[in-house]
């Protein structure tokens, strides 16, 4: 008898993401700018091996339309099929994306944004690449596409549902994929694809089921107070100026990068202050937002810091356990104007570290999941019904890219990993990486709520603050 699909119901945080993605937040994209013709057969094989090694990306998202609940159903066999666009098809897509605000944006950048806004999870009809074997309420969570550009260039993209792929999963997937493509193995030895330990072909537990038993659950009344507090605070926060609150939204990307010397000075400053890089990024973001504001009274900005919880679980998970195991700690920071970068960075990071030491990323999970879903259902709970939950989002830990040789061997000139935010989310989400000693910050924002010009000015100011004041 053929193998039967396995699965489990989604957890509470995963459920929040399942409600967020149809609105436009949580479409995770890994895009590669390539100058060497990709080996299609090997790339297809690599994606199938990734699916075999990691059950969550070999699963479909099943929707029970009667109860409006979700579950992961793992396929007995890998199913992702690479979709290809030849040169003429790619040029047609680029033509549709062309507008005056995009004149200086590269084709690679435009295709990345195009993929961030390909939302295959808005319908209840099947998006299965093998629909004959999947329920009409089952949706694939993993897609692969290759676009052909002029002048012997290609763009390869992997697009995933955020409940299956957090920041750590995306980075590990990149490492495993590159390692396999340049001759690695899939047996866990050396570079290549590493099978999840102990999974037995089943999707790992959700984040709530892995919280250490030493952490007591909050009483219901305490969670109620948290929910009310989070809901009211969002309406009291200062936001970047909204340019267009009426039009349909999409996610766009701006970026700022630093050289090795600038990056090292910032890292040295963080080390001297006993903080992580995220503290400096938050401080620079808050100061840049204040600089862009025409009002000079005190302002309160919301900041969300995302935390990879894998090492804190019981039992602990490794980076090779795919899924979404990030929690979040929200904070409100008051800006008066004229702040010093390092004083503000120390202050914001200390507040975050204190909350983490008190396990807020675990104890407040239920409240945050609930408030997120309620905001999606009732946009009026957010300023101007914008669905903005905060000014900015950062990750506690910076990704360190130390595999430039692998990329060069495969002809990878550049890559970007990020996720969409044009549903519920911040005004700016920062995905930071240090590549070959250089800081690279990919910043995603909702358009036309904010404009490319507006956000480029913001990140340019962030960079200037970081470079000039360290």
Protein backbone atom coordinates (compact mmCIF):
# COMPACT_ATOMS: atom_id res chain seq x y z
CA UNK A 1 0.00 0.00 0.00
CA UNK A 2 1.28 3.47 -0.86
CA UNK A 3 2.59 5.68 1.91
CA UNK A 4 -0.13 7.81 3.45
CA UNK A 5 0.31 11.53 4.16
CA UNK A 6 1.16 12.51 7.72
CA UNK A 7 0.38 15.78 9.41
CA UNK A 8 -0.60 17.81 12.45
CA UNK A 9 -2.74 20.81 13.32
CA UNK A 10 -0.97 24.15 13.29
CA UNK A 11 0.01 25.74 16.60
CA UNK A 12 -1.28 29.10 17.83
CA UNK A 13 1.59 31.18 16.42
CA UNK A 14 1.50 29.24 13.14
CA UNK A 15 -2.24 29.87 13.04
CA UNK A 16 -1.57 33.62 13.29
CA UNK A 17 0.73 33.40 10.29
CA UNK A 18 -1.86 31.38 8.37
CA UNK A 19 -4.28 34.27 8.87
CA UNK A 20 -1.62 36.90 8.06
CA UNK A 21 -0.30 35.50 4.79
CA UNK A 22 -3.53 35.85 2.74
CA UNK A 23 -3.45 39.57 3.56
CA UNK A 24 0.12 39.94 2.34
CA UNK A 25 2.44 39.40 5.31
CA UNK A 26 4.71 36.37 5.51
CA UNK A 27 5.54 35.50 1.90
CA UNK A 28 9.17 34.47 2.32
CA UNK A 29 11.48 34.80 -0.68
CA UNK A 30 15.08 33.77 -1.34
CA UNK A 31 16.31 35.28 -4.61
CA UNK A 32 19.63 34.63 -6.36
CA UNK A 33 21.22 36.83 -9.04
CA UNK A 34 23.18 34.35 -11.18
CA UNK A 35 25.70 34.81 -14.00
CA UNK A 36 26.18 31.11 -14.80
CA UNK A 37 23.48 29.01 -16.47
CA UNK A 38 21.81 26.96 -13.72
CA UNK A 39 21.88 23.17 -14.02
CA UNK A 40 18.12 22.68 -14.09
CA UNK A 41 18.19 18.95 -13.36
CA UNK A 42 20.52 19.33 -10.41
CA UNK A 43 18.56 22.29 -9.06
CA UNK A 44 15.31 20.33 -9.30
CA UNK A 45 16.95 17.35 -7.59
CA UNK A 46 18.28 19.62 -4.84
CA UNK A 47 14.82 21.01 -4.10
CA UNK A 48 13.41 17.49 -3.86
CA UNK A 49 16.21 16.44 -1.53
CA UNK A 50 15.50 19.50 0.62
CA UNK A 51 11.87 18.40 0.82
CA UNK A 52 12.83 14.83 1.73
CA UNK A 53 15.12 16.09 4.50
CA UNK A 54 12.70 18.65 5.96
CA UNK A 55 9.06 17.53 6.31
CA UNK A 56 7.58 21.00 6.84
CA UNK A 57 8.55 22.16 3.32
CA UNK A 58 7.31 18.84 1.94
CA UNK A 59 3.89 19.63 3.37
CA UNK A 60 0.78 21.34 2.13
CA UNK A 61 -1.36 23.69 4.14
CA UNK A 62 -4.80 22.16 4.57
CA UNK A 63 -7.75 24.44 5.32
CA UNK A 64 -10.87 23.07 6.97
CA UNK A 65 -13.40 25.50 5.53
CA UNK A 66 -16.11 24.46 8.01
CA UNK A 67 -14.06 25.26 11.10
CA UNK A 68 -11.62 27.75 9.51
CA UNK A 69 -8.70 25.81 10.95
CA UNK A 70 -5.39 24.80 9.40
CA UNK A 71 -3.13 21.78 9.44
CA UNK A 72 0.09 20.62 7.79
CA UNK A 73 -0.25 17.54 5.59
CA UNK A 74 3.12 16.04 4.66
CA UNK A 75 3.40 14.45 1.24
CA UNK A 76 4.90 10.93 0.96
CA UNK A 77 6.97 12.19 -1.98
CA UNK A 78 8.52 15.57 -2.87
CA UNK A 79 6.37 17.64 -5.20
CA UNK A 80 7.90 21.05 -5.90
CA UNK A 81 8.42 21.65 -9.63
CA UNK A 82 10.59 24.49 -10.90
CA UNK A 83 8.71 26.94 -13.08
CA UNK A 84 10.80 28.64 -15.76
CA UNK A 85 10.39 31.90 -17.66
CA UNK A 86 12.33 32.39 -20.88
CA UNK A 87 13.78 35.75 -21.86
CA UNK A 88 10.69 37.09 -23.62
CA UNK A 89 8.40 36.07 -20.75
CA UNK A 90 10.72 37.66 -18.18
CA UNK A 91 10.91 40.88 -20.18
CA UNK A 92 7.11 41.01 -20.32
CA UNK A 93 6.98 40.72 -16.53
CA UNK A 94 9.59 43.45 -16.12
CA UNK A 95 7.61 45.68 -18.48
CA UNK A 96 4.50 45.36 -16.31
CA UNK A 97 6.58 46.30 -13.24
CA UNK A 98 8.10 49.37 -14.87
CA UNK A 99 7.16 52.81 -13.49
CA UNK A 100 8.97 56.10 -12.79
CA UNK A 101 9.78 55.16 -9.18
CA UNK A 102 11.57 52.00 -10.39
CA UNK A 103 13.94 53.60 -12.91
CA UNK A 104 17.03 52.95 -10.80
CA UNK A 105 15.94 49.50 -9.62
CA UNK A 106 17.75 46.48 -11.09
CA UNK A 107 15.89 43.62 -12.85
CA UNK A 108 16.95 41.28 -10.03
CA UNK A 109 15.45 43.65 -7.47
CA UNK A 110 12.20 43.99 -9.46
CA UNK A 111 11.80 40.23 -9.80
CA UNK A 112 12.40 39.80 -6.07
CA UNK A 113 9.60 42.28 -5.36
CA UNK A 114 7.41 40.53 -7.94
CA UNK A 115 7.83 37.25 -6.05
CA UNK A 116 7.17 38.92 -2.68
CA UNK A 117 3.77 39.87 -4.04
CA UNK A 118 2.86 36.53 -5.67
CA UNK A 119 0.35 35.44 -3.07
CA UNK A 120 -0.81 31.93 -3.87
CA UNK A 121 -2.43 31.64 -0.45
CA UNK A 122 -5.29 34.09 -0.98
CA UNK A 123 -7.62 31.47 -2.46
CA UNK A 124 -9.09 28.28 -1.04
CA UNK A 125 -8.64 26.57 -4.39
CA UNK A 126 -5.66 24.28 -4.77
CA UNK A 127 -2.23 25.70 -5.54
CA UNK A 128 -0.76 22.24 -5.63
CA UNK A 129 1.84 21.46 -8.27
CA UNK A 130 0.33 17.99 -8.41
CA UNK A 131 -3.31 18.84 -7.82
CA UNK A 132 -4.57 15.42 -8.87
CA UNK A 133 -3.23 13.98 -5.63
CA UNK A 134 -4.10 16.89 -3.38
CA UNK A 135 -7.34 18.12 -1.86
CA UNK A 136 -8.79 21.32 -3.29
CA UNK A 137 -8.27 22.76 0.20
CA UNK A 138 -4.55 21.88 0.21
CA UNK A 139 -2.04 24.55 -0.77
CA UNK A 140 1.65 24.08 -1.51
CA UNK A 141 3.97 25.99 0.82
CA UNK A 142 7.12 25.85 -1.35
CA UNK A 143 7.69 27.11 -4.91
CA UNK A 144 10.75 27.35 -7.16
CA UNK A 145 11.12 29.62 -10.19
CA UNK A 146 13.91 30.60 -12.59
CA UNK A 147 13.77 33.75 -14.72
CA UNK A 148 16.02 34.35 -17.74
CA UNK A 149 17.50 37.85 -18.10
CA UNK A 150 19.48 39.43 -20.97
CA UNK A 151 23.28 39.20 -21.10
CA UNK A 152 23.54 35.64 -19.80
CA UNK A 153 21.93 36.35 -16.43
CA UNK A 154 19.33 34.42 -14.46
CA UNK A 155 17.32 34.91 -11.30
CA UNK A 156 16.47 31.83 -9.23
CA UNK A 157 13.81 32.21 -6.56
CA UNK A 158 12.44 30.05 -3.76
CA UNK A 159 9.15 31.26 -2.29
CA UNK A 160 7.70 29.80 0.91
CA UNK A 161 4.87 30.27 3.39
CA UNK A 162 6.25 31.86 6.55
CA UNK A 163 4.75 29.18 8.82
CA UNK A 164 7.21 26.77 7.17
CA UNK A 165 10.17 29.11 6.85
CA UNK A 166 11.48 31.64 9.35
CA UNK A 167 14.68 33.68 9.09
CA UNK A 168 16.86 30.80 10.32
CA UNK A 169 15.23 28.25 8.03
CA UNK A 170 15.77 30.50 5.00
CA UNK A 171 19.46 30.92 5.80
CA UNK A 172 19.99 27.21 6.50
CA UNK A 173 18.14 26.30 3.32
CA UNK A 174 20.50 28.57 1.40
CA UNK A 175 23.56 26.91 2.93
CA UNK A 176 22.27 23.39 2.29
CA UNK A 177 21.22 24.18 -1.27
CA UNK A 178 24.53 25.79 -2.24
CA UNK A 179 26.50 23.03 -0.57
CA UNK A 180 24.60 20.34 -2.45
CA UNK A 181 24.80 22.14 -5.81
CA UNK A 182 28.59 22.33 -5.73
CA UNK A 183 29.01 18.65 -5.03
CA UNK A 184 28.02 18.18 -1.43
CA UNK A 185 26.01 15.25 -0.17
CA UNK A 186 22.64 14.67 1.40
CA UNK A 187 23.85 12.29 4.07
CA UNK A 188 24.64 14.86 6.73
CA UNK A 189 28.38 14.57 6.15
CA UNK A 190 30.16 17.80 5.31
CA UNK A 191 28.48 20.48 3.29
CA UNK A 192 25.16 19.62 1.74
CA UNK A 193 21.63 18.79 2.82
CA UNK A 194 21.22 17.58 6.40
CA UNK A 195 18.24 15.46 7.33
CA UNK A 196 16.43 16.58 10.46
CA UNK A 197 17.39 14.46 13.45
CA UNK A 198 14.53 12.52 14.98
CA UNK A 199 11.80 13.72 12.62
CA UNK A 200 10.89 10.27 11.19
CA UNK A 201 9.38 12.08 8.24
CA UNK A 202 6.99 14.05 10.44
CA UNK A 203 6.62 17.79 10.91
CA UNK A 204 8.17 18.99 14.17
CA UNK A 205 6.00 20.31 16.98
CA UNK A 206 4.87 23.92 17.02
CA UNK A 207 6.62 26.51 19.15
CA UNK A 208 4.06 26.35 21.98
CA UNK A 209 4.70 22.63 22.54
CA UNK A 210 8.45 23.16 22.89
CA UNK A 211 8.44 25.88 25.55
CA UNK A 212 10.49 24.67 28.55
CA UNK A 213 8.34 23.32 31.37
CA UNK A 214 10.08 25.63 33.88
CA UNK A 215 8.25 28.57 32.31
CA UNK A 216 4.85 28.90 33.92
CA UNK A 217 1.87 29.81 31.78
CA UNK A 218 0.25 33.12 32.60
CA UNK A 219 -3.18 33.05 34.25
CA UNK A 220 -6.06 33.89 31.94
CA UNK A 221 -6.66 37.29 33.58
CA UNK A 222 -3.01 38.26 33.13
CA UNK A 223 -3.15 37.34 29.45
CA UNK A 224 -6.28 39.47 29.15
CA UNK A 225 -4.43 42.47 30.58
CA UNK A 226 -1.59 41.90 28.09
CA UNK A 227 -4.03 41.70 25.18
CA UNK A 228 -5.71 44.97 26.17
CA UNK A 229 -2.35 46.66 26.68
CA UNK A 230 -0.98 45.58 23.29
CA UNK A 231 -4.21 46.63 21.53
CA UNK A 232 -4.36 50.10 23.09
CA UNK A 233 -0.64 50.80 22.69
CA UNK A 234 -0.73 50.38 18.91
CA UNK A 235 -3.17 53.29 18.61
CA UNK A 236 -0.95 55.57 20.70
CA UNK A 237 2.27 55.04 18.77
CA UNK A 238 3.97 57.45 16.40
CA UNK A 239 4.18 56.24 12.81
CA UNK A 240 6.05 57.29 9.74
CA UNK A 241 3.89 59.55 7.60
CA UNK A 242 1.38 57.48 5.64
CA UNK A 243 1.37 58.52 1.98
CA UNK A 244 -1.64 56.52 0.73
CA UNK A 245 -3.93 54.60 3.07
CA UNK A 246 -6.61 53.76 0.49
CA UNK A 247 -4.91 51.95 -2.40
CA UNK A 248 -4.15 48.23 -2.54
CA UNK A 249 -0.74 47.43 -1.09
CA UNK A 250 2.33 45.47 -2.07
CA UNK A 251 5.74 44.91 -0.52
CA UNK A 252 8.77 46.78 -1.83
CA UNK A 253 12.43 46.72 -0.86
CA UNK A 254 15.15 49.28 -0.21
CA UNK A 255 18.64 48.38 0.87
CA UNK A 256 21.71 49.86 2.50
CA UNK A 257 25.19 48.36 2.67
CA UNK A 258 28.47 49.20 4.35
CA UNK A 259 32.09 48.42 3.63
CA UNK A 260 34.26 46.26 5.87
CA UNK A 261 35.83 49.16 7.77
CA UNK A 262 32.46 50.77 8.54
CA UNK A 263 31.00 47.43 9.57
CA UNK A 264 33.88 46.60 11.88
CA UNK A 265 33.64 49.99 13.60
CA UNK A 266 29.96 49.38 14.31
CA UNK A 267 30.61 45.86 15.59
CA UNK A 268 33.44 47.14 17.80
CA UNK A 269 31.11 49.79 19.20
CA UNK A 270 28.47 47.17 19.97
CA UNK A 271 31.02 44.96 21.68
CA UNK A 272 32.26 47.87 23.79
CA UNK A 273 28.70 48.60 24.92
CA UNK A 274 27.87 44.95 25.56
CA UNK A 275 25.01 44.89 23.06
CA UNK A 276 24.11 43.11 19.84
CA UNK A 277 23.98 44.76 16.43
CA UNK A 278 20.18 44.86 16.60
CA UNK A 279 20.48 47.51 19.32
CA UNK A 280 22.44 49.82 17.03
CA UNK A 281 20.02 49.23 14.15
CA UNK A 282 17.02 50.05 16.34
CA UNK A 283 18.67 53.23 17.63
CA UNK A 284 19.63 54.35 14.12
CA UNK A 285 16.12 53.61 12.87
CA UNK A 286 14.49 55.62 15.66
CA UNK A 287 16.84 58.55 15.14
CA UNK A 288 16.31 58.46 11.37
CA UNK A 289 12.53 58.43 11.82
CA UNK A 290 12.77 61.41 14.16
CA UNK A 291 14.93 63.23 11.61
CA UNK A 292 12.29 62.65 8.91
CA UNK A 293 9.54 64.04 11.16
CA UNK A 294 8.55 67.71 11.00
CA UNK A 295 7.24 67.63 14.56
CA UNK A 296 9.75 67.97 17.36
CA UNK A 297 7.78 66.91 20.41
CA UNK A 298 8.35 63.59 22.17
CA UNK A 299 7.35 60.56 20.12
CA UNK A 300 6.69 56.95 21.02
CA UNK A 301 7.70 54.32 18.48
CA UNK A 302 6.91 50.63 18.54
CA UNK A 303 9.71 48.15 17.85
CA UNK A 304 9.35 44.38 17.49
CA UNK A 305 12.43 42.20 18.02
CA UNK A 306 12.22 38.69 16.60
CA UNK A 307 14.00 35.89 18.47
CA UNK A 308 15.00 32.45 17.22
CA UNK A 309 13.91 30.20 20.09
CA UNK A 310 15.42 26.91 18.88
CA UNK A 311 18.27 26.78 21.38
CA UNK A 312 15.90 27.63 24.26
CA UNK A 313 13.43 24.81 23.63
CA UNK A 314 13.06 21.61 25.60
CA UNK A 315 14.34 19.63 23.81
CA UNK A 316 16.49 22.11 21.89
CA UNK A 317 16.30 22.19 18.10
CA UNK A 318 19.13 22.84 15.67
CA UNK A 319 19.17 25.26 12.75
CA UNK A 320 18.48 22.24 10.53
CA UNK A 321 15.01 21.86 12.01
CA UNK A 322 12.94 23.81 9.50
CA UNK A 323 9.79 25.71 10.39
CA UNK A 324 8.93 28.98 12.09
CA UNK A 325 10.36 29.04 15.59
CA UNK A 326 10.69 32.79 16.04
CA UNK A 327 8.91 34.61 18.82
CA UNK A 328 8.75 38.36 19.32
CA UNK A 329 9.21 40.91 22.07
CA UNK A 330 7.47 44.28 21.57
CA UNK A 331 8.77 47.51 23.06
CA UNK A 332 7.82 51.17 22.99
CA UNK A 333 10.68 53.67 22.92
CA UNK A 334 10.31 57.40 23.56
CA UNK A 335 12.36 59.75 21.37
CA UNK A 336 12.84 63.36 22.45
CA UNK A 337 15.27 64.44 19.73
CA UNK A 338 19.03 64.91 19.93
CA UNK A 339 19.71 61.39 21.25
CA UNK A 340 23.20 59.91 21.18
CA UNK A 341 23.41 56.75 19.07
CA UNK A 342 25.21 54.58 21.60
CA UNK A 343 23.21 55.77 24.59
CA UNK A 344 19.96 55.03 22.76
CA UNK A 345 21.28 51.69 21.47
CA UNK A 346 22.26 50.66 25.01
CA UNK A 347 18.89 51.77 26.39
CA UNK A 348 16.79 49.94 23.80
CA UNK A 349 18.90 46.79 23.92
CA UNK A 350 18.84 46.70 27.73
CA UNK A 351 15.04 46.88 27.68
CA UNK A 352 14.90 44.04 25.18
CA UNK A 353 17.44 41.88 27.06
CA UNK A 354 15.54 42.36 30.32
CA UNK A 355 12.29 41.20 28.73
CA UNK A 356 14.03 38.19 27.23
CA UNK A 357 15.63 37.31 30.57
CA UNK A 358 12.10 37.33 32.01
CA UNK A 359 10.95 34.93 29.27
CA UNK A 360 8.50 37.42 27.73
CA UNK A 361 9.08 35.80 24.33
CA UNK A 362 7.44 32.66 25.76
CA UNK A 363 4.97 33.95 28.35
CA UNK A 364 3.36 36.47 25.98
CA UNK A 365 3.05 34.16 22.97
CA UNK A 366 -0.68 33.58 23.38
CA UNK A 367 -1.50 37.26 23.87
CA UNK A 368 0.54 38.35 20.86
CA UNK A 369 -0.99 35.66 18.63
CA UNK A 370 -4.49 36.71 19.69
CA UNK A 371 -3.88 40.44 19.15
CA UNK A 372 -2.33 39.78 15.75
CA UNK A 373 -5.39 37.85 14.57
CA UNK A 374 -7.79 40.46 15.99
CA UNK A 375 -5.96 43.27 14.19
CA UNK A 376 -6.20 41.33 10.92
CA UNK A 377 -9.94 40.90 11.45
CA UNK A 378 -10.41 44.53 12.59
CA UNK A 379 -7.96 46.91 10.85
CA UNK A 380 -9.62 49.85 12.67
CA UNK A 381 -7.70 48.70 15.76
CA UNK A 382 -4.58 50.07 14.02
CA UNK A 383 -3.77 53.72 13.13
CA UNK A 384 -5.74 54.88 10.04
CA UNK A 385 -6.70 51.21 9.54
CA UNK A 386 -3.17 50.82 8.18
CA UNK A 387 -2.52 47.43 9.81
CA UNK A 388 0.78 48.85 11.11
CA UNK A 389 1.66 47.06 14.34
CA UNK A 390 4.94 48.92 14.91
CA UNK A 391 7.42 51.30 13.34
CA UNK A 392 10.10 48.68 12.76
CA UNK A 393 10.98 45.02 13.12
CA UNK A 394 14.50 43.69 13.65
CA UNK A 395 16.04 40.29 14.37
CA UNK A 396 17.93 39.70 17.60
CA UNK A 397 20.76 37.91 15.80
CA UNK A 398 22.46 38.94 12.57
CA UNK A 399 23.01 36.32 9.88
CA UNK A 400 26.72 35.75 9.19
CA UNK A 401 27.40 34.77 5.57
CA UNK A 402 30.79 33.06 5.48
CA UNK A 403 30.36 31.00 2.31
CA UNK A 404 31.26 33.43 -0.45
CA UNK A 405 33.44 30.80 -2.16
CA UNK A 406 30.43 28.52 -2.68
CA UNK A 407 28.44 31.37 -4.16
CA UNK A 408 31.25 32.38 -6.50
CA UNK A 409 31.67 28.79 -7.69
CA UNK A 410 27.99 28.69 -8.68
CA UNK A 411 28.00 32.13 -10.30
CA UNK A 412 25.85 33.70 -7.57
CA UNK A 413 26.60 37.43 -7.78
CA UNK A 414 24.07 38.49 -5.17
CA UNK A 415 21.18 37.14 -3.14
CA UNK A 416 18.42 38.55 -0.99
CA UNK A 417 16.30 36.81 1.62
CA UNK A 418 13.29 38.60 3.12
CA UNK A 419 9.52 38.41 3.63
CA UNK A 420 6.51 40.52 2.69
CA UNK A 421 4.90 42.95 5.15
CA UNK A 422 2.01 44.62 3.31
CA UNK A 423 -0.65 42.92 5.42
CA UNK A 424 -0.33 43.21 9.21
CA UNK A 425 3.17 44.37 10.11
CA UNK A 426 5.68 47.18 10.62
CA UNK A 427 6.44 50.18 8.45
CA UNK A 428 9.91 48.74 7.91
CA UNK A 429 11.26 45.23 8.48
CA UNK A 430 15.05 44.91 8.52
CA UNK A 431 16.74 41.69 7.38
CA UNK A 432 20.42 42.14 8.21
CA UNK A 433 23.35 40.02 7.11
CA UNK A 434 27.12 40.39 7.38
CA UNK A 435 28.66 39.14 4.13
CA UNK A 436 32.41 38.98 3.83
CA UNK A 437 32.65 41.44 6.69
CA UNK A 438 30.19 43.91 5.13
CA UNK A 439 26.83 44.79 6.65
CA UNK A 440 23.93 44.35 4.22
CA UNK A 441 20.46 45.45 5.34
CA UNK A 442 17.45 44.53 3.21
CA UNK A 443 14.47 46.63 4.29
CA UNK A 444 10.90 45.70 3.33
CA UNK A 445 7.99 48.14 3.56
CA UNK A 446 4.34 48.39 2.46
CA UNK A 447 3.67 50.45 -0.69
CA UNK A 448 1.98 52.87 -1.40
CA UNK A 449 1.39 53.34 2.34
CA UNK A 450 5.02 54.43 2.17
CA UNK A 451 6.89 55.38 -1.01
CA UNK A 452 10.24 54.19 -2.31
CA UNK A 453 11.60 57.73 -2.09
CA UNK A 454 10.42 58.08 1.51
CA UNK A 455 11.92 54.78 2.62
CA UNK A 456 15.17 55.27 0.73
CA UNK A 457 15.58 58.57 2.58
CA UNK A 458 14.93 56.78 5.87
CA UNK A 459 17.53 54.05 5.31
CA UNK A 460 20.06 56.54 3.90
CA UNK A 461 19.68 58.48 7.15
CA UNK A 462 20.10 55.26 9.13
CA UNK A 463 23.35 54.51 7.34
CA UNK A 464 24.62 58.06 7.80
CA UNK A 465 23.84 57.94 11.52
CA UNK A 466 25.65 54.61 11.91
CA UNK A 467 28.68 55.62 9.85
CA UNK A 468 29.10 59.18 11.11
CA UNK A 469 28.48 58.59 14.80
CA UNK A 470 30.46 55.44 15.52
